[in-house]
């Protein structure tokens, strides 16, 4: 069974800073998601983009937990506000869809 865990490389941030240029770039391990699949043998693998929709609630809960650990008392960005999730079902604003259906 695959578990979703915080990326060991970027610690859930989804990006890292280049030591030489100071530029931020998506994490090579998780591809910018901040979380990876952990196999029963404790090896990690990136979460495929196709799986993000089905993991939406899990990822949101893990992100809220990570933010709380850092002392943040607000809320995480909504899925449709996250650049990495754009173009996925979870990355679409459901309120915009309701407005389009009403028009």
C-alpha atoms as a PDB file:
ATOM      1  CA  UNK A   1       0.000   0.000   0.000  1.00  0.00           C
ATOM      2  CA  UNK A   2       1.352   3.406  -0.958  1.00  0.00           C
ATOM      3  CA  UNK A   3       1.214   6.137   1.676  1.00  0.00           C
ATOM      4  CA  UNK A   4       1.398   9.860   0.985  1.00  0.00           C
ATOM      5  CA  UNK A   5       4.183  11.505   2.998  1.00  0.00           C
ATOM      6  CA  UNK A   6       5.991  14.828   3.064  1.00  0.00           C
ATOM      7  CA  UNK A   7       8.764  14.996   0.485  1.00  0.00           C
ATOM      8  CA  UNK A   8      12.081  14.319   2.252  1.00  0.00           C
ATOM      9  CA  UNK A   9      13.922  16.622  -0.113  1.00  0.00           C
ATOM     10  CA  UNK A  10      11.874  19.830   0.177  1.00  0.00           C
ATOM     11  CA  UNK A  11      10.006  19.046   3.434  1.00  0.00           C
ATOM     12  CA  UNK A  12       6.635  19.795   1.846  1.00  0.00           C
ATOM     13  CA  UNK A  13       7.518  23.146   0.311  1.00  0.00           C
ATOM     14  CA  UNK A  14       7.511  21.830  -3.261  1.00  0.00           C
ATOM     15  CA  UNK A  15      10.519  23.903  -4.265  1.00  0.00           C
ATOM     16  CA  UNK A  16      14.101  24.481  -3.372  1.00  0.00           C
ATOM     17  CA  UNK A  17      16.483  27.370  -3.767  1.00  0.00           C
ATOM     18  CA  UNK A  18      19.522  27.040  -6.016  1.00  0.00           C
ATOM     19  CA  UNK A  19      22.640  27.503  -3.921  1.00  0.00           C
ATOM     20  CA  UNK A  20      24.415  29.423  -6.665  1.00  0.00           C
ATOM     21  CA  UNK A  21      21.824  31.705  -8.205  1.00  0.00           C
ATOM     22  CA  UNK A  22      19.308  32.015  -5.367  1.00  0.00           C
ATOM     23  CA  UNK A  23      16.529  31.129  -7.818  1.00  0.00           C
ATOM     24  CA  UNK A  24      13.703  28.888  -6.616  1.00  0.00           C
ATOM     25  CA  UNK A  25      12.855  25.785  -8.655  1.00  0.00           C
ATOM     26  CA  UNK A  26      10.401  22.921  -8.316  1.00  0.00           C
ATOM     27  CA  UNK A  27      11.753  20.106  -6.184  1.00  0.00           C
ATOM     28  CA  UNK A  28      13.270  17.320  -8.283  1.00  0.00           C
ATOM     29  CA  UNK A  29      11.914  14.600  -5.985  1.00  0.00           C
ATOM     30  CA  UNK A  30       8.248  15.587  -5.817  1.00  0.00           C
ATOM     31  CA  UNK A  31       7.920  17.757  -8.930  1.00  0.00           C
ATOM     32  CA  UNK A  32       6.559  20.689  -6.932  1.00  0.00           C
ATOM     33  CA  UNK A  33       3.778  18.823  -5.117  1.00  0.00           C
ATOM     34  CA  UNK A  34       5.551  18.752  -1.736  1.00  0.00           C
ATOM     35  CA  UNK A  35       4.500  15.160  -1.073  1.00  0.00           C
ATOM     36  CA  UNK A  36       5.493  11.754  -2.428  1.00  0.00           C
ATOM     37  CA  UNK A  37       4.267   8.169  -2.329  1.00  0.00           C
ATOM     38  CA  UNK A  38       6.074   5.951   0.170  1.00  0.00           C
ATOM     39  CA  UNK A  39       6.133   2.256  -0.670  1.00  0.00           C
ATOM     40  CA  UNK A  40       6.028  -0.510   1.986  1.00  0.00           C
ATOM     41  CA  UNK A  41       9.809  -0.980   1.525  1.00  0.00           C
ATOM     42  CA  UNK A  42      10.271   2.700   2.565  1.00  0.00           C
ATOM     43  CA  UNK A  43      11.320   3.909  -0.886  1.00  0.00           C
ATOM     44  CA  UNK A  44       9.687   7.052  -2.231  1.00  0.00           C
ATOM     45  CA  UNK A  45       8.325   7.913  -5.649  1.00  0.00           C
ATOM     46  CA  UNK A  46       6.791  11.097  -7.061  1.00  0.00           C
ATOM     47  CA  UNK A  47       3.012  11.308  -7.151  1.00  0.00           C
ATOM     48  CA  UNK A  48       1.849  11.260 -10.786  1.00  0.00           C
ATOM     49  CA  UNK A  49      -0.169  14.318 -11.804  1.00  0.00           C
ATOM     50  CA  UNK A  50      -3.029  11.978 -12.757  1.00  0.00           C
ATOM     51  CA  UNK A  51      -3.349  10.958  -9.080  1.00  0.00           C
ATOM     52  CA  UNK A  52      -3.626  14.493  -7.684  1.00  0.00           C
ATOM     53  CA  UNK A  53      -7.414  14.706  -8.076  1.00  0.00           C
ATOM     54  CA  UNK A  54      -8.051  11.567  -6.049  1.00  0.00           C
ATOM     55  CA  UNK A  55      -5.577  12.689  -3.354  1.00  0.00           C
ATOM     56  CA  UNK A  56      -6.949  16.209  -2.990  1.00  0.00           C
ATOM     57  CA  UNK A  57      -8.370  15.796   0.525  1.00  0.00           C
ATOM     58  CA  UNK A  58      -5.311  13.914   1.789  1.00  0.00           C
ATOM     59  CA  UNK A  59      -2.919  16.522   0.399  1.00  0.00           C
ATOM     60  CA  UNK A  60      -4.948  19.390   1.890  1.00  0.00           C
ATOM     61  CA  UNK A  61      -4.961  17.727   5.330  1.00  0.00           C
ATOM     62  CA  UNK A  62      -1.216  17.067   5.203  1.00  0.00           C
ATOM     63  CA  UNK A  63      -0.533  20.630   4.118  1.00  0.00           C
ATOM     64  CA  UNK A  64      -2.658  22.034   6.942  1.00  0.00           C
ATOM     65  CA  UNK A  65      -0.768  19.811   9.408  1.00  0.00           C
ATOM     66  CA  UNK A  66       2.575  21.061   8.033  1.00  0.00           C
ATOM     67  CA  UNK A  67       1.481  24.682   8.313  1.00  0.00           C
ATOM     68  CA  UNK A  68       0.317  24.158  11.905  1.00  0.00           C
ATOM     69  CA  UNK A  69       3.708  22.634  12.790  1.00  0.00           C
ATOM     70  CA  UNK A  70       5.319  25.867  11.564  1.00  0.00           C
ATOM     71  CA  UNK A  71       2.959  27.939  13.721  1.00  0.00           C
ATOM     72  CA  UNK A  72       0.708  29.172  10.933  1.00  0.00           C
ATOM     73  CA  UNK A  73      -2.852  29.717  12.118  1.00  0.00           C
ATOM     74  CA  UNK A  74      -4.477  30.658   8.806  1.00  0.00           C
ATOM     75  CA  UNK A  75      -5.551  28.300   6.050  1.00  0.00           C
ATOM     76  CA  UNK A  76      -3.754  26.709   3.130  1.00  0.00           C
ATOM     77  CA  UNK A  77      -4.233  28.000  -0.396  1.00  0.00           C
ATOM     78  CA  UNK A  78      -7.258  26.495  -2.083  1.00  0.00           C
ATOM     79  CA  UNK A  79      -6.349  23.852  -4.691  1.00  0.00           C
ATOM     80  CA  UNK A  80      -7.322  26.160  -7.565  1.00  0.00           C
ATOM     81  CA  UNK A  81      -4.959  28.824  -6.175  1.00  0.00           C
ATOM     82  CA  UNK A  82      -1.944  26.482  -6.330  1.00  0.00           C
ATOM     83  CA  UNK A  83       0.067  26.720  -9.531  1.00  0.00           C
ATOM     84  CA  UNK A  84       1.138  23.061  -9.372  1.00  0.00           C
ATOM     85  CA  UNK A  85      -2.504  21.915  -9.346  1.00  0.00           C
ATOM     86  CA  UNK A  86      -3.769  24.069 -12.235  1.00  0.00           C
ATOM     87  CA  UNK A  87      -5.311  21.990 -14.988  1.00  0.00           C
ATOM     88  CA  UNK A  88      -6.386  19.190 -12.640  1.00  0.00           C
ATOM     89  CA  UNK A  89      -9.925  18.675 -11.407  1.00  0.00           C
ATOM     90  CA  UNK A  90      -8.764  19.666  -7.914  1.00  0.00           C
ATOM     91  CA  UNK A  91      -7.172  22.762  -9.423  1.00  0.00           C
ATOM     92  CA  UNK A  92     -10.440  24.152 -10.768  1.00  0.00           C
ATOM     93  CA  UNK A  93     -12.457  26.616  -8.717  1.00  0.00           C
ATOM     94  CA  UNK A  94     -15.832  24.910  -8.123  1.00  0.00           C
ATOM     95  CA  UNK A  95     -17.490  28.293  -7.639  1.00  0.00           C
ATOM     96  CA  UNK A  96     -16.492  29.392 -11.139  1.00  0.00           C
ATOM     97  CA  UNK A  97     -18.098  26.234 -12.538  1.00  0.00           C
ATOM     98  CA  UNK A  98     -21.355  26.998 -10.666  1.00  0.00           C
ATOM     99  CA  UNK A  99     -21.333  30.545 -12.029  1.00  0.00           C
ATOM    100  CA  UNK A 100     -20.808  29.285 -15.580  1.00  0.00           C
ATOM    101  CA  UNK A 101     -23.712  26.820 -15.226  1.00  0.00           C
ATOM    102  CA  UNK A 102     -26.014  29.599 -13.930  1.00  0.00           C
ATOM    103  CA  UNK A 103     -25.168  31.912 -16.864  1.00  0.00           C
END
